[in-house]
N, C-alpha and C. Protein backbone atom coordinates (compact mmCIF):
# COMPACT_ATOMS: atom_id res chain seq x y z
N MET A 1 106.24 -131.30 -0.54
CA MET A 1 106.74 -132.09 -1.34
C MET A 1 105.57 -132.90 -1.87
N ASN A 2 105.92 -133.39 -3.72
CA ASN A 2 104.75 -134.14 -3.76
C ASN A 2 105.12 -135.37 -3.63
N LEU A 3 104.37 -136.62 -3.22
CA LEU A 3 104.95 -137.75 -2.42
C LEU A 3 104.72 -138.81 -3.58
N LYS A 4 104.22 -138.10 -5.18
CA LYS A 4 104.30 -138.94 -5.74
C LYS A 4 105.43 -138.54 -7.37
N THR A 5 106.28 -137.90 -6.66
CA THR A 5 107.03 -137.19 -7.76
C THR A 5 108.14 -138.21 -8.10
N ASP A 6 108.47 -138.00 -9.33
CA ASP A 6 109.80 -138.88 -9.90
C ASP A 6 111.05 -138.72 -8.79
N VAL A 7 111.22 -139.90 -8.13
CA VAL A 7 112.46 -139.82 -7.68
C VAL A 7 113.66 -139.54 -7.34
N SER A 8 114.38 -139.69 -8.68
CA SER A 8 115.51 -139.96 -9.80
C SER A 8 116.11 -138.37 -9.54
N GLN A 9 115.49 -137.51 -9.02
CA GLN A 9 116.23 -135.97 -9.00
C GLN A 9 116.03 -135.40 -7.71
N LEU A 10 115.82 -136.17 -6.68
CA LEU A 10 116.03 -136.03 -5.46
C LEU A 10 116.86 -136.08 -4.60
N THR A 11 117.68 -135.46 -3.48
CA THR A 11 118.11 -135.98 -2.51
C THR A 11 118.08 -137.31 -1.73
N GLN A 12 119.39 -137.82 -1.38
CA GLN A 12 118.75 -139.25 -0.48
C GLN A 12 117.87 -139.01 0.60
N ALA A 13 118.15 -138.24 1.22
CA ALA A 13 116.76 -137.64 1.99
C ALA A 13 115.74 -137.48 1.66
N GLN A 14 115.55 -136.73 0.89
CA GLN A 14 114.25 -136.86 0.19
C GLN A 14 113.39 -138.08 -0.30
N ARG A 15 114.30 -139.05 -0.97
CA ARG A 15 114.01 -140.09 -1.43
C ARG A 15 113.85 -140.98 -0.57
N GLU A 16 114.40 -141.03 1.01
CA GLU A 16 113.56 -141.67 2.40
C GLU A 16 112.41 -141.45 2.34
N MET A 17 112.69 -139.83 2.38
CA MET A 17 111.09 -139.24 2.90
C MET A 17 109.92 -140.11 2.29
N VAL A 18 110.03 -139.64 0.72
CA VAL A 18 109.11 -139.98 0.36
C VAL A 18 109.11 -141.54 0.48
N ALA A 19 109.93 -142.66 0.49
CA ALA A 19 109.76 -144.10 0.19
C ALA A 19 108.77 -144.22 1.97
N TYR A 20 109.44 -143.26 2.82
CA TYR A 20 108.48 -143.61 4.59
C TYR A 20 107.23 -142.96 4.31
N PHE A 21 106.86 -141.91 3.89
CA PHE A 21 105.50 -141.69 3.70
C PHE A 21 104.81 -142.34 2.82
N ASN A 22 105.07 -142.57 2.19
CA ASN A 22 104.51 -143.91 0.76
C ASN A 22 103.91 -144.84 1.30
N ASP A 23 105.65 -145.42 1.80
CA ASP A 23 105.20 -147.09 2.27
C ASP A 23 105.72 -147.66 3.65
N GLY A 24 105.99 -146.60 4.87
CA GLY A 24 106.43 -146.89 5.69
C GLY A 24 107.92 -147.59 5.41
N ILE A 25 108.88 -147.09 4.30
CA ILE A 25 109.85 -148.22 4.59
C ILE A 25 110.68 -147.10 5.00
N VAL A 26 112.03 -147.64 6.09
CA VAL A 26 112.84 -147.26 7.00
C VAL A 26 114.18 -147.68 6.01
N SER A 27 115.39 -146.63 4.99
CA SER A 27 116.05 -147.37 4.43
C SER A 27 117.21 -146.50 4.82
N GLY A 28 117.49 -145.76 5.92
CA GLY A 28 118.74 -145.07 6.02
C GLY A 28 118.55 -144.03 7.69
N ALA A 29 119.48 -143.44 7.73
CA ALA A 29 119.93 -142.75 8.61
C ALA A 29 118.21 -141.01 8.59
N PHE A 30 118.23 -140.88 7.36
CA PHE A 30 117.42 -139.97 7.80
C PHE A 30 115.75 -140.16 7.94
N SER A 31 115.04 -141.62 7.49
CA SER A 31 113.95 -142.35 7.57
C SER A 31 114.50 -142.58 8.75
N ARG A 32 115.16 -143.29 9.42
CA ARG A 32 115.71 -143.62 10.99
C ARG A 32 114.83 -142.64 11.66
N LYS A 33 115.77 -141.25 11.70
CA LYS A 33 115.19 -139.93 12.49
C LYS A 33 113.86 -139.53 12.19
N LEU A 34 113.38 -139.81 10.93
CA LEU A 34 111.95 -139.45 10.67
C LEU A 34 110.93 -140.34 11.32
N ALA A 35 111.55 -141.66 11.44
CA ALA A 35 110.16 -142.75 11.98
C ALA A 35 110.19 -142.26 13.77
N ALA A 36 111.59 -142.70 13.63
CA ALA A 36 111.43 -142.60 15.20
C ALA A 36 110.98 -140.92 15.68
N ALA A 37 111.13 -139.62 15.15
CA ALA A 37 110.20 -138.48 15.30
C ALA A 37 108.66 -138.89 15.08
N VAL A 38 108.39 -139.68 14.36
CA VAL A 38 107.14 -140.22 14.07
C VAL A 38 106.20 -140.93 15.38
N ALA A 39 107.09 -141.65 15.55
CA ALA A 39 106.91 -142.62 16.58
C ALA A 39 106.50 -142.06 18.20
N ALA A 40 107.68 -140.89 18.22
CA ALA A 40 107.32 -140.14 19.41
C ALA A 40 106.28 -139.43 19.91
N ILE A 41 106.14 -138.55 18.49
CA ILE A 41 104.75 -137.94 18.41
C ILE A 41 103.37 -138.51 18.49
N LYS A 42 103.28 -139.88 17.98
CA LYS A 42 102.21 -140.47 17.90
C LYS A 42 101.93 -141.38 19.57
N ALA A 43 103.39 -141.20 20.24
CA ALA A 43 103.21 -141.97 21.83
C ALA A 43 102.88 -140.81 22.90
N ASP A 44 103.02 -139.53 22.68
CA ASP A 44 103.13 -138.44 23.43
C ASP A 44 101.46 -138.30 23.38
N ALA A 45 100.86 -138.05 24.83
CA ALA A 45 99.33 -138.24 24.92
C ALA A 45 98.75 -137.24 24.76
N ILE A 46 99.10 -136.07 24.54
CA ILE A 46 98.62 -134.65 23.77
C ILE A 46 98.70 -134.86 21.85
N ARG A 47 100.17 -134.78 21.96
CA ARG A 47 100.12 -134.50 20.31
C ARG A 47 100.06 -135.94 19.37
N GLY A 48 100.09 -137.23 20.38
CA GLY A 48 99.79 -138.11 19.76
C GLY A 48 98.36 -138.08 19.34
N GLY A 49 97.36 -137.53 20.20
CA GLY A 49 96.00 -137.58 19.96
C GLY A 49 95.61 -136.66 18.62
N ILE A 50 96.27 -135.76 18.07
CA ILE A 50 95.89 -135.23 17.11
C ILE A 50 96.25 -135.71 15.65
N TYR A 51 97.63 -136.53 16.26
CA TYR A 51 98.70 -137.36 14.70
C TYR A 51 97.25 -137.67 13.62
N MET A 52 97.58 -137.83 12.76
CA MET A 52 96.43 -138.31 11.85
C MET A 52 97.29 -138.59 10.36
N THR A 53 97.44 -139.77 9.71
CA THR A 53 98.24 -139.93 7.86
C THR A 53 96.94 -139.82 7.34
N ILE A 54 97.79 -139.57 6.29
CA ILE A 54 97.33 -139.00 4.79
C ILE A 54 95.86 -139.92 5.06
N GLU A 55 96.35 -141.13 4.94
CA GLU A 55 95.06 -142.69 5.07
C GLU A 55 93.90 -142.13 5.61
N GLU A 56 94.46 -142.09 6.87
CA GLU A 56 93.52 -141.86 8.09
C GLU A 56 92.49 -140.56 7.36
N TYR A 57 93.15 -139.75 7.60
CA TYR A 57 92.50 -138.22 7.16
C TYR A 57 91.34 -138.53 6.21
N ALA A 58 91.92 -139.09 4.82
CA ALA A 58 91.03 -139.36 3.55
C ALA A 58 89.89 -140.31 4.09
N ALA A 59 90.04 -141.17 5.30
CA ALA A 59 89.19 -142.23 5.54
C ALA A 59 88.13 -141.44 6.35
N LEU A 60 88.74 -140.57 7.55
CA LEU A 60 87.63 -139.87 8.08
C LEU A 60 86.99 -138.79 7.27
N LYS A 61 87.27 -138.50 6.14
CA LYS A 61 86.53 -137.53 5.44
C LYS A 61 85.79 -138.14 4.16
N SER A 62 86.13 -139.41 4.06
CA SER A 62 85.07 -140.34 3.34
C SER A 62 83.79 -140.55 4.06
N ALA A 63 83.97 -141.17 5.26
CA ALA A 63 83.29 -141.29 6.33
C ALA A 63 82.41 -140.42 6.61
N TYR A 64 82.65 -139.42 6.97
CA TYR A 64 81.81 -138.10 6.93
C TYR A 64 80.82 -137.81 5.89
N ALA A 65 81.63 -137.54 4.77
CA ALA A 65 80.84 -137.62 3.62
C ALA A 65 79.63 -138.93 3.10
N GLN A 66 80.36 -139.74 3.78
CA GLN A 66 78.64 -141.13 3.94
C GLN A 66 77.74 -140.95 4.55
N GLU A 67 78.52 -140.11 5.95
CA GLU A 67 77.31 -140.12 6.69
C GLU A 67 76.64 -139.03 6.77
N SER A 68 76.64 -138.11 6.30
CA SER A 68 76.16 -136.67 5.69
C SER A 68 75.25 -137.27 4.11
N GLU A 69 75.89 -138.05 3.19
CA GLU A 69 74.69 -138.58 2.13
C GLU A 69 73.38 -139.21 2.78
N ARG A 70 73.76 -139.95 3.93
CA ARG A 70 72.57 -140.90 4.64
C ARG A 70 71.76 -140.00 5.28
N ILE A 71 72.60 -139.10 5.98
CA ILE A 71 71.14 -138.37 6.39
C ILE A 71 70.65 -137.39 5.44
N LYS A 72 70.71 -136.69 4.43
CA LYS A 72 70.11 -136.32 3.57
C LYS A 72 69.23 -137.42 3.39
N THR A 73 69.62 -138.59 2.56
CA THR A 73 68.70 -139.44 1.90
C THR A 73 67.63 -140.00 3.10
N ILE A 74 67.78 -140.27 4.10
CA ILE A 74 66.59 -140.80 5.00
C ILE A 74 65.70 -139.26 5.26
N THR A 75 66.43 -138.01 5.60
CA THR A 75 65.66 -136.83 5.93
C THR A 75 64.75 -136.41 4.46
N GLY A 76 65.27 -136.86 3.26
CA GLY A 76 64.69 -136.70 2.61
C GLY A 76 62.91 -137.86 2.14
N LEU A 77 63.50 -139.13 2.47
CA LEU A 77 62.54 -140.24 2.56
C LEU A 77 61.30 -140.04 3.42
N ALA A 78 61.90 -139.16 4.64
CA ALA A 78 60.93 -138.95 5.72
C ALA A 78 59.73 -138.13 5.43
N ALA A 79 60.51 -137.11 4.64
CA ALA A 79 60.06 -136.15 4.18
C ALA A 79 58.59 -136.36 2.95
N LEU A 80 59.14 -137.35 2.23
CA LEU A 80 57.91 -137.86 1.32
C LEU A 80 57.50 -138.88 1.55
N ASN A 81 57.07 -138.82 3.22
CA ASN A 81 56.67 -139.63 4.45
C ASN A 81 56.16 -141.18 3.92
N MET A 82 57.44 -141.69 4.05
CA MET A 82 58.01 -143.11 4.40
C MET A 82 58.36 -143.57 5.21
N SER A 83 57.79 -144.31 6.01
CA SER A 83 57.81 -145.10 7.16
C SER A 83 59.26 -145.34 7.60
N ARG A 84 59.34 -145.65 8.81
CA ARG A 84 60.69 -145.82 9.43
C ARG A 84 61.27 -147.25 9.13
N ALA A 85 60.31 -148.03 8.78
CA ALA A 85 60.48 -149.43 8.57
C ALA A 85 60.84 -149.75 6.70
N GLN A 86 60.03 -148.92 5.97
CA GLN A 86 60.51 -148.27 5.06
C GLN A 86 61.99 -147.74 4.27
N ILE A 87 62.43 -146.97 5.25
CA ILE A 87 63.48 -146.27 5.35
C ILE A 87 64.73 -147.14 5.27
N ILE A 88 64.46 -147.64 6.86
CA ILE A 88 64.96 -148.76 7.24
C ILE A 88 65.26 -150.08 5.84
N GLU A 89 64.18 -150.60 5.48
CA GLU A 89 64.83 -151.54 4.16
C GLU A 89 65.39 -150.62 3.26
N PHE A 90 64.74 -149.46 2.74
CA PHE A 90 65.65 -148.70 1.46
C PHE A 90 67.30 -148.71 1.89
N LEU A 91 67.71 -148.61 2.84
CA LEU A 91 69.11 -148.39 3.18
C LEU A 91 69.76 -149.38 3.24
N LYS A 92 68.73 -150.55 3.62
CA LYS A 92 69.64 -151.92 3.41
C LYS A 92 69.63 -152.34 1.82
N THR A 93 68.58 -152.41 1.19
CA THR A 93 68.91 -153.18 0.00
C THR A 93 69.97 -151.49 -0.88
N ASN A 94 69.56 -150.13 -0.79
CA ASN A 94 70.45 -149.51 -1.63
C ASN A 94 72.00 -148.82 -0.28
N MET A 95 71.91 -149.25 0.19
CA MET A 95 73.36 -148.79 0.60
C MET A 95 73.80 -149.74 1.53
N ASN A 96 73.62 -150.67 1.30
CA ASN A 96 74.47 -152.26 1.96
C ASN A 96 74.48 -151.73 3.27
N LEU A 97 73.40 -151.59 4.16
CA LEU A 97 73.88 -151.66 5.60
C LEU A 97 73.30 -152.73 6.43
N SER A 98 73.48 -153.08 7.16
CA SER A 98 72.96 -154.29 8.13
C SER A 98 71.70 -153.84 8.56
N GLU A 99 70.48 -154.53 9.23
CA GLU A 99 69.70 -153.97 10.12
C GLU A 99 69.97 -153.08 11.41
N GLU A 100 71.07 -153.34 11.88
CA GLU A 100 71.39 -152.69 13.08
C GLU A 100 71.83 -151.18 12.45
N GLU A 101 72.86 -151.48 11.51
CA GLU A 101 73.41 -150.15 10.92
C GLU A 101 72.31 -149.39 10.22
N ALA A 102 71.34 -149.72 9.61
CA ALA A 102 70.46 -148.97 8.96
C ALA A 102 69.24 -148.41 10.48
N GLN A 103 68.95 -149.11 11.14
CA GLN A 103 68.44 -148.61 12.41
C GLN A 103 68.93 -147.43 12.83
N ALA A 104 70.38 -147.62 13.13
CA ALA A 104 71.43 -146.53 13.80
C ALA A 104 71.15 -145.75 13.15
N ALA A 105 71.34 -145.33 11.77
CA ALA A 105 71.42 -144.42 10.73
C ALA A 105 69.95 -143.70 10.67
N TYR A 106 69.27 -144.53 10.95
CA TYR A 106 68.19 -143.81 10.81
C TYR A 106 67.43 -143.20 12.22
N ASP A 107 67.74 -143.55 13.07
CA ASP A 107 67.80 -142.69 14.31
C ASP A 107 68.71 -142.16 14.65
N ASN A 108 69.65 -141.55 14.13
CA ASN A 108 70.74 -140.42 14.28
C ASN A 108 70.18 -139.57 13.16
N ALA A 109 69.69 -139.90 12.16
CA ALA A 109 69.27 -138.68 11.29
C ALA A 109 68.19 -137.99 12.11
N MET A 110 67.31 -138.92 12.36
CA MET A 110 65.79 -137.83 12.67
C MET A 110 65.98 -137.52 14.20
N THR A 111 66.85 -137.75 14.98
CA THR A 111 66.91 -137.19 16.39
C THR A 111 67.58 -136.01 16.11
N THR A 112 68.94 -135.88 15.13
CA THR A 112 70.01 -134.87 15.62
C THR A 112 69.84 -133.75 14.32
N HIS A 113 68.67 -134.33 12.72
CA HIS A 113 68.60 -133.48 11.70
C HIS A 113 67.31 -133.14 11.42
N ALA A 114 66.21 -133.66 11.98
CA ALA A 114 65.08 -133.68 11.00
C ALA A 114 64.17 -132.63 11.84
């Protein structure tokens, strides 16, 4: 189901589902059951570990993309014979990383991908 659809043509249950998934709104019997089912999945030791909202999934993909970009940047700069200190300074200036984040990114890239 398209969660950005025009809800005027949907059934009550479908409108409740759209409202629940888009905004977390519980507004009727169907969405109460839906919220209870989601809570049960999240509370389950096994299934809860694999439950992920769309927003969490998007954030995770974004984080992986950023990490991949950092690794490419770091290894590329290292291939240009830039020193560790120069690369860390580049990361701080151009990627808005703190000193600690830049050092960790450099160490990770050079340890696992160089």
